[in-house]
Amino acid sequence: MADSSFDIVSKIDHQEVANALNSAAREVATRYDFKNVGASIEASGEDKVIIKANTEERANAVLDVFQTWLVKRKVSLKHLDVPERGPQLSGKEYRLELGLKEGISQENAKKIGKIIRDEGPKSVKSQIQGDELRVTSKSRDDLQAVQALLKGKDDLDFAIQFTNYR
């Protein structure tokens, strides 16, 4: 029997992010507590979101609205790269530039490979292929055990999905 396999990837559903961004922008434009504070949220290219407001608290509140809409659209917040320093004063307004993280870095792929080797079934092999990880085994049950193991790991600071299960 041929080996079964699946890929571990970290991909963003850009359409869902755009929907969440549009919903958040509409909410910010209509909510009473955002009136006359210059609050806005907009996309800047494919992988950046810019939040603007006239106070640091309002900028953080807009971020909270955006995160709420991402969760409603089932987009992991681990894809969001929020700067630790918070909103920065730029002229008369506070700006917060958010990045969207996609793909698994070599370091993170090695971390997942180590978890699979140490805690997963012994028949499972993993191989790094660019920004994803291919996991193979003769037993589909072992592959499902690896998926359950990785889903239970909350300490991973990046989102993962499982694709190409065959």
C-alpha atoms as a PDB file:
ATOM      1  CA  MET A   1       0.000   0.000   0.000  1.00  0.00           C
ATOM      2  CA  ALA A   2       1.241   3.507  -0.845  1.00  0.00           C
ATOM      3  CA  ASP A   3       2.116   6.002   1.846  1.00  0.00           C
ATOM      4  CA  SER A   4      -0.543   8.477   2.939  1.00  0.00           C
ATOM      5  CA  SER A   5       0.406  12.117   3.427  1.00  0.00           C
ATOM      6  CA  PHE A   6      -0.757  15.645   4.140  1.00  0.00           C
ATOM      7  CA  ASP A   7       0.807  19.096   4.084  1.00  0.00           C
ATOM      8  CA  ILE A   8       1.026  21.523   6.993  1.00  0.00           C
ATOM      9  CA  VAL A   9       0.693  25.091   5.708  1.00  0.00           C
ATOM     10  CA  SER A  10       0.035  28.570   7.062  1.00  0.00           C
ATOM     11  CA  LYS A  11      -2.132  30.334   4.502  1.00  0.00           C
ATOM     12  CA  ILE A  12      -4.429  33.334   4.834  1.00  0.00           C
ATOM     13  CA  ASP A  13      -7.836  33.410   3.182  1.00  0.00           C
ATOM     14  CA  HIS A  14      -7.406  36.907   1.723  1.00  0.00           C
ATOM     15  CA  GLN A  15     -11.084  37.158   0.783  1.00  0.00           C
ATOM     16  CA  GLU A  16     -12.131  36.584   4.408  1.00  0.00           C
ATOM     17  CA  VAL A  17      -9.573  39.158   5.620  1.00  0.00           C
ATOM     18  CA  ALA A  18     -10.956  41.665   3.094  1.00  0.00           C
ATOM     19  CA  ASN A  19     -14.519  40.923   4.282  1.00  0.00           C
ATOM     20  CA  ALA A  20     -13.482  41.407   7.923  1.00  0.00           C
ATOM     21  CA  LEU A  21     -11.675  44.641   7.033  1.00  0.00           C
ATOM     22  CA  ASN A  22     -14.718  46.023   5.167  1.00  0.00           C
ATOM     23  CA  SER A  23     -17.058  45.076   8.036  1.00  0.00           C
ATOM     24  CA  ALA A  24     -14.722  46.670  10.593  1.00  0.00           C
ATOM     25  CA  ALA A  25     -14.437  49.857   8.491  1.00  0.00           C
ATOM     26  CA  ARG A  26     -18.226  50.051   8.203  1.00  0.00           C
ATOM     27  CA  GLU A  27     -18.621  49.552  11.968  1.00  0.00           C
ATOM     28  CA  VAL A  28     -15.989  52.206  12.756  1.00  0.00           C
ATOM     29  CA  ALA A  29     -17.717  54.656  10.393  1.00  0.00           C
ATOM     30  CA  THR A  30     -21.151  54.182  11.998  1.00  0.00           C
ATOM     31  CA  ARG A  31     -20.460  53.639  15.704  1.00  0.00           C
ATOM     32  CA  TYR A  32     -21.193  56.580  17.963  1.00  0.00           C
ATOM     33  CA  ASP A  33     -18.037  56.234  20.087  1.00  0.00           C
ATOM     34  CA  PHE A  34     -15.893  56.601  16.927  1.00  0.00           C
ATOM     35  CA  LYS A  35     -17.555  59.853  15.778  1.00  0.00           C
ATOM     36  CA  ASN A  36     -15.203  62.852  15.498  1.00  0.00           C
ATOM     37  CA  VAL A  37     -12.090  60.950  16.575  1.00  0.00           C
ATOM     38  CA  GLY A  38     -10.671  60.473  13.069  1.00  0.00           C
ATOM     39  CA  ALA A  39     -10.774  56.696  13.420  1.00  0.00           C
ATOM     40  CA  SER A  40     -10.264  54.641  10.259  1.00  0.00           C
ATOM     41  CA  ILE A  41      -8.982  51.281   9.094  1.00  0.00           C
ATOM     42  CA  GLU A  42      -7.787  50.467   5.584  1.00  0.00           C
ATOM     43  CA  ALA A  43      -5.737  47.975   3.629  1.00  0.00           C
ATOM     44  CA  SER A  44      -2.298  48.961   2.412  1.00  0.00           C
ATOM     45  CA  GLY A  45      -1.232  46.490  -0.244  1.00  0.00           C
ATOM     46  CA  GLU A  46      -1.750  42.747   0.034  1.00  0.00           C
ATOM     47  CA  ASP A  47      -0.312  42.176   3.490  1.00  0.00           C
ATOM     48  CA  LYS A  48      -0.669  45.389   5.529  1.00  0.00           C
ATOM     49  CA  VAL A  49      -3.513  47.065   7.406  1.00  0.00           C
ATOM     50  CA  ILE A  50      -3.285  50.652   8.688  1.00  0.00           C
ATOM     51  CA  ILE A  51      -5.346  51.935  11.616  1.00  0.00           C
ATOM     52  CA  LYS A  52      -5.562  55.674  12.321  1.00  0.00           C
ATOM     53  CA  ALA A  53      -7.187  57.613  15.181  1.00  0.00           C
ATOM     54  CA  ASN A  54      -6.564  60.796  17.169  1.00  0.00           C
ATOM     55  CA  THR A  55      -5.932  58.960  20.467  1.00  0.00           C
ATOM     56  CA  GLU A  56      -4.028  55.811  21.316  1.00  0.00           C
ATOM     57  CA  GLU A  57      -7.096  54.310  23.039  1.00  0.00           C
ATOM     58  CA  ARG A  58      -9.307  54.807  19.944  1.00  0.00           C
ATOM     59  CA  ALA A  59      -6.640  53.194  17.725  1.00  0.00           C
ATOM     60  CA  ASN A  60      -6.574  50.174  20.047  1.00  0.00           C
ATOM     61  CA  ALA A  61     -10.403  50.089  20.028  1.00  0.00           C
ATOM     62  CA  VAL A  62     -10.378  49.970  16.198  1.00  0.00           C
ATOM     63  CA  LEU A  63      -7.859  47.112  16.409  1.00  0.00           C
ATOM     64  CA  ASP A  64     -10.234  45.297  18.765  1.00  0.00           C
ATOM     65  CA  VAL A  65     -13.126  45.749  16.306  1.00  0.00           C
ATOM     66  CA  PHE A  66     -10.954  44.366  13.460  1.00  0.00           C
ATOM     67  CA  GLN A  67      -9.869  41.365  15.550  1.00  0.00           C
ATOM     68  CA  THR A  68     -13.497  40.652  16.439  1.00  0.00           C
ATOM     69  CA  TRP A  69     -14.457  40.603  12.768  1.00  0.00           C
ATOM     70  CA  LEU A  70     -11.490  38.337  11.930  1.00  0.00           C
ATOM     71  CA  VAL A  71     -12.653  35.829  14.550  1.00  0.00           C
ATOM     72  CA  LYS A  72     -16.226  35.992  13.205  1.00  0.00           C
ATOM     73  CA  ARG A  73     -14.862  35.246   9.713  1.00  0.00           C
ATOM     74  CA  LYS A  74     -12.844  32.306  11.132  1.00  0.00           C
ATOM     75  CA  VAL A  75      -9.425  33.838  10.404  1.00  0.00           C
ATOM     76  CA  SER A  76      -6.840  33.020  13.075  1.00  0.00           C
ATOM     77  CA  LEU A  77      -5.480  36.007  14.992  1.00  0.00           C
ATOM     78  CA  LYS A  78      -2.063  34.332  14.779  1.00  0.00           C
ATOM     79  CA  HIS A  79      -1.896  35.619  11.174  1.00  0.00           C
ATOM     80  CA  LEU A  80      -1.958  39.187  12.516  1.00  0.00           C
ATOM     81  CA  ASP A  81       1.408  40.790  13.266  1.00  0.00           C
ATOM     82  CA  VAL A  82       0.624  43.505  15.848  1.00  0.00           C
ATOM     83  CA  PRO A  83       3.649  45.639  16.831  1.00  0.00           C
ATOM     84  CA  GLU A  84       4.439  45.409  20.550  1.00  0.00           C
ATOM     85  CA  ARG A  85       5.096  49.140  20.865  1.00  0.00           C
ATOM     86  CA  GLY A  86       1.440  49.916  20.043  1.00  0.00           C
ATOM     87  CA  PRO A  87       0.121  52.892  18.073  1.00  0.00           C
ATOM     88  CA  GLN A  88       2.722  55.518  17.215  1.00  0.00           C
ATOM     89  CA  LEU A  89       2.101  59.265  17.066  1.00  0.00           C
ATOM     90  CA  SER A  90       2.483  60.501  13.500  1.00  0.00           C
ATOM     91  CA  GLY A  91       1.773  64.209  13.226  1.00  0.00           C
ATOM     92  CA  LYS A  92      -1.621  64.752  14.890  1.00  0.00           C
ATOM     93  CA  GLU A  93      -2.814  61.166  14.683  1.00  0.00           C
ATOM     94  CA  TYR A  94      -1.885  57.765  16.040  1.00  0.00           C
ATOM     95  CA  ARG A  95      -1.052  55.117  13.433  1.00  0.00           C
ATOM     96  CA  LEU A  96      -0.885  51.380  13.883  1.00  0.00           C
ATOM     97  CA  GLU A  97       0.527  49.297  11.030  1.00  0.00           C
ATOM     98  CA  LEU A  98      -0.430  45.626  11.146  1.00  0.00           C
ATOM     99  CA  GLY A  99       1.226  42.942   9.064  1.00  0.00           C
ATOM    100  CA  LEU A 100      -0.344  39.706   7.864  1.00  0.00           C
ATOM    101  CA  LYS A 101       1.894  36.663   8.361  1.00  0.00           C
ATOM    102  CA  GLU A 102       1.687  33.807   5.874  1.00  0.00           C
ATOM    103  CA  GLY A 103       3.852  30.731   5.342  1.00  0.00           C
ATOM    104  CA  ILE A 104       5.900  28.659   7.765  1.00  0.00           C
ATOM    105  CA  SER A 105       9.470  29.821   8.315  1.00  0.00           C
ATOM    106  CA  GLN A 106      12.344  27.323   8.352  1.00  0.00           C
ATOM    107  CA  GLU A 107      12.700  27.777  12.114  1.00  0.00           C
ATOM    108  CA  ASN A 108       8.994  27.080  12.734  1.00  0.00           C
ATOM    109  CA  ALA A 109       9.028  24.108  10.326  1.00  0.00           C
ATOM    110  CA  LYS A 110      11.930  22.622  12.318  1.00  0.00           C
ATOM    111  CA  LYS A 111       9.957  23.215  15.531  1.00  0.00           C
ATOM    112  CA  ILE A 112       6.950  21.317  14.124  1.00  0.00           C
ATOM    113  CA  GLY A 113       9.232  18.529  12.858  1.00  0.00           C
ATOM    114  CA  LYS A 114      10.747  18.177  16.334  1.00  0.00           C
ATOM    115  CA  ILE A 115       7.275  17.983  17.934  1.00  0.00           C
ATOM    116  CA  ILE A 116       6.274  15.258  15.457  1.00  0.00           C
ATOM    117  CA  ARG A 117       9.504  13.287  16.088  1.00  0.00           C
ATOM    118  CA  ASP A 118       9.350  13.594  19.886  1.00  0.00           C
ATOM    119  CA  GLU A 119       5.627  13.203  20.584  1.00  0.00           C
ATOM    120  CA  GLY A 120       4.083  11.685  17.458  1.00  0.00           C
ATOM    121  CA  PRO A 121       3.863   8.063  16.308  1.00  0.00           C
ATOM    122  CA  LYS A 122       7.217   6.575  15.271  1.00  0.00           C
ATOM    123  CA  SER A 123       6.071   5.608  11.754  1.00  0.00           C
ATOM    124  CA  VAL A 124       5.494   9.268  10.785  1.00  0.00           C
ATOM    125  CA  LYS A 125       8.087  11.175   8.749  1.00  0.00           C
ATOM    126  CA  SER A 126       8.141  14.920   8.085  1.00  0.00           C
ATOM    127  CA  GLN A 127       9.936  16.835   5.353  1.00  0.00           C
ATOM    128  CA  ILE A 128      10.311  20.597   4.888  1.00  0.00           C
ATOM    129  CA  GLN A 129       9.295  21.809   1.404  1.00  0.00           C
ATOM    130  CA  GLY A 130       9.702  25.567   1.079  1.00  0.00           C
ATOM    131  CA  ASP A 131       7.188  27.282   3.359  1.00  0.00           C
ATOM    132  CA  GLU A 132       5.227  24.107   4.125  1.00  0.00           C
ATOM    133  CA  LEU A 133       5.807  20.724   5.715  1.00  0.00           C
ATOM    134  CA  ARG A 134       4.918  17.322   4.167  1.00  0.00           C
ATOM    135  CA  VAL A 135       4.025  14.583   6.659  1.00  0.00           C
ATOM    136  CA  THR A 136       3.926  10.950   5.474  1.00  0.00           C
ATOM    137  CA  SER A 137       3.122   7.571   7.011  1.00  0.00           C
ATOM    138  CA  LYS A 138       1.799   4.163   5.975  1.00  0.00           C
ATOM    139  CA  SER A 139      -1.036   4.488   8.502  1.00  0.00           C
ATOM    140  CA  ARG A 140      -3.772   7.106   8.104  1.00  0.00           C
ATOM    141  CA  ASP A 141      -4.523   6.704  11.818  1.00  0.00           C
ATOM    142  CA  ASP A 142      -0.998   7.881  12.642  1.00  0.00           C
ATOM    143  CA  LEU A 143      -1.470  10.940  10.399  1.00  0.00           C
ATOM    144  CA  GLN A 144      -4.716  11.764  12.173  1.00  0.00           C
ATOM    145  CA  ALA A 145      -2.910  11.392  15.506  1.00  0.00           C
ATOM    146  CA  VAL A 146      -0.301  13.926  14.324  1.00  0.00           C
ATOM    147  CA  GLN A 147      -3.061  16.365  13.290  1.00  0.00           C
ATOM    148  CA  ALA A 148      -4.714  16.005  16.707  1.00  0.00           C
ATOM    149  CA  LEU A 149      -1.334  16.491  18.416  1.00  0.00           C
ATOM    150  CA  LEU A 150      -0.615  19.719  16.498  1.00  0.00           C
ATOM    151  CA  LYS A 151      -4.152  21.087  16.967  1.00  0.00           C
ATOM    152  CA  GLY A 152      -3.660  20.661  20.727  1.00  0.00           C
ATOM    153  CA  LYS A 153      -0.454  22.723  20.728  1.00  0.00           C
ATOM    154  CA  ASP A 154      -1.474  26.225  21.835  1.00  0.00           C
ATOM    155  CA  ASP A 155       2.115  27.450  22.207  1.00  0.00           C
ATOM    156  CA  LEU A 156       2.666  27.685  18.436  1.00  0.00           C
ATOM    157  CA  ASP A 157       2.776  31.405  17.601  1.00  0.00           C
ATOM    158  CA  PHE A 158       1.605  30.892  14.010  1.00  0.00           C
ATOM    159  CA  ALA A 159      -1.555  29.461  12.456  1.00  0.00           C
ATOM    160  CA  ILE A 160      -1.481  26.075  10.724  1.00  0.00           C
ATOM    161  CA  GLN A 161      -3.837  24.291   8.359  1.00  0.00           C
ATOM    162  CA  PHE A 162      -3.755  20.774   6.930  1.00  0.00           C
ATOM    163  CA  THR A 163      -4.080  20.327   3.152  1.00  0.00           C
ATOM    164  CA  ASN A 164      -3.608  17.656   0.437  1.00  0.00           C
ATOM    165  CA  TYR A 165      -4.695  14.801   2.683  1.00  0.00           C
ATOM    166  CA  ARG A 166      -4.362  11.599   0.639  1.00  0.00           C
END
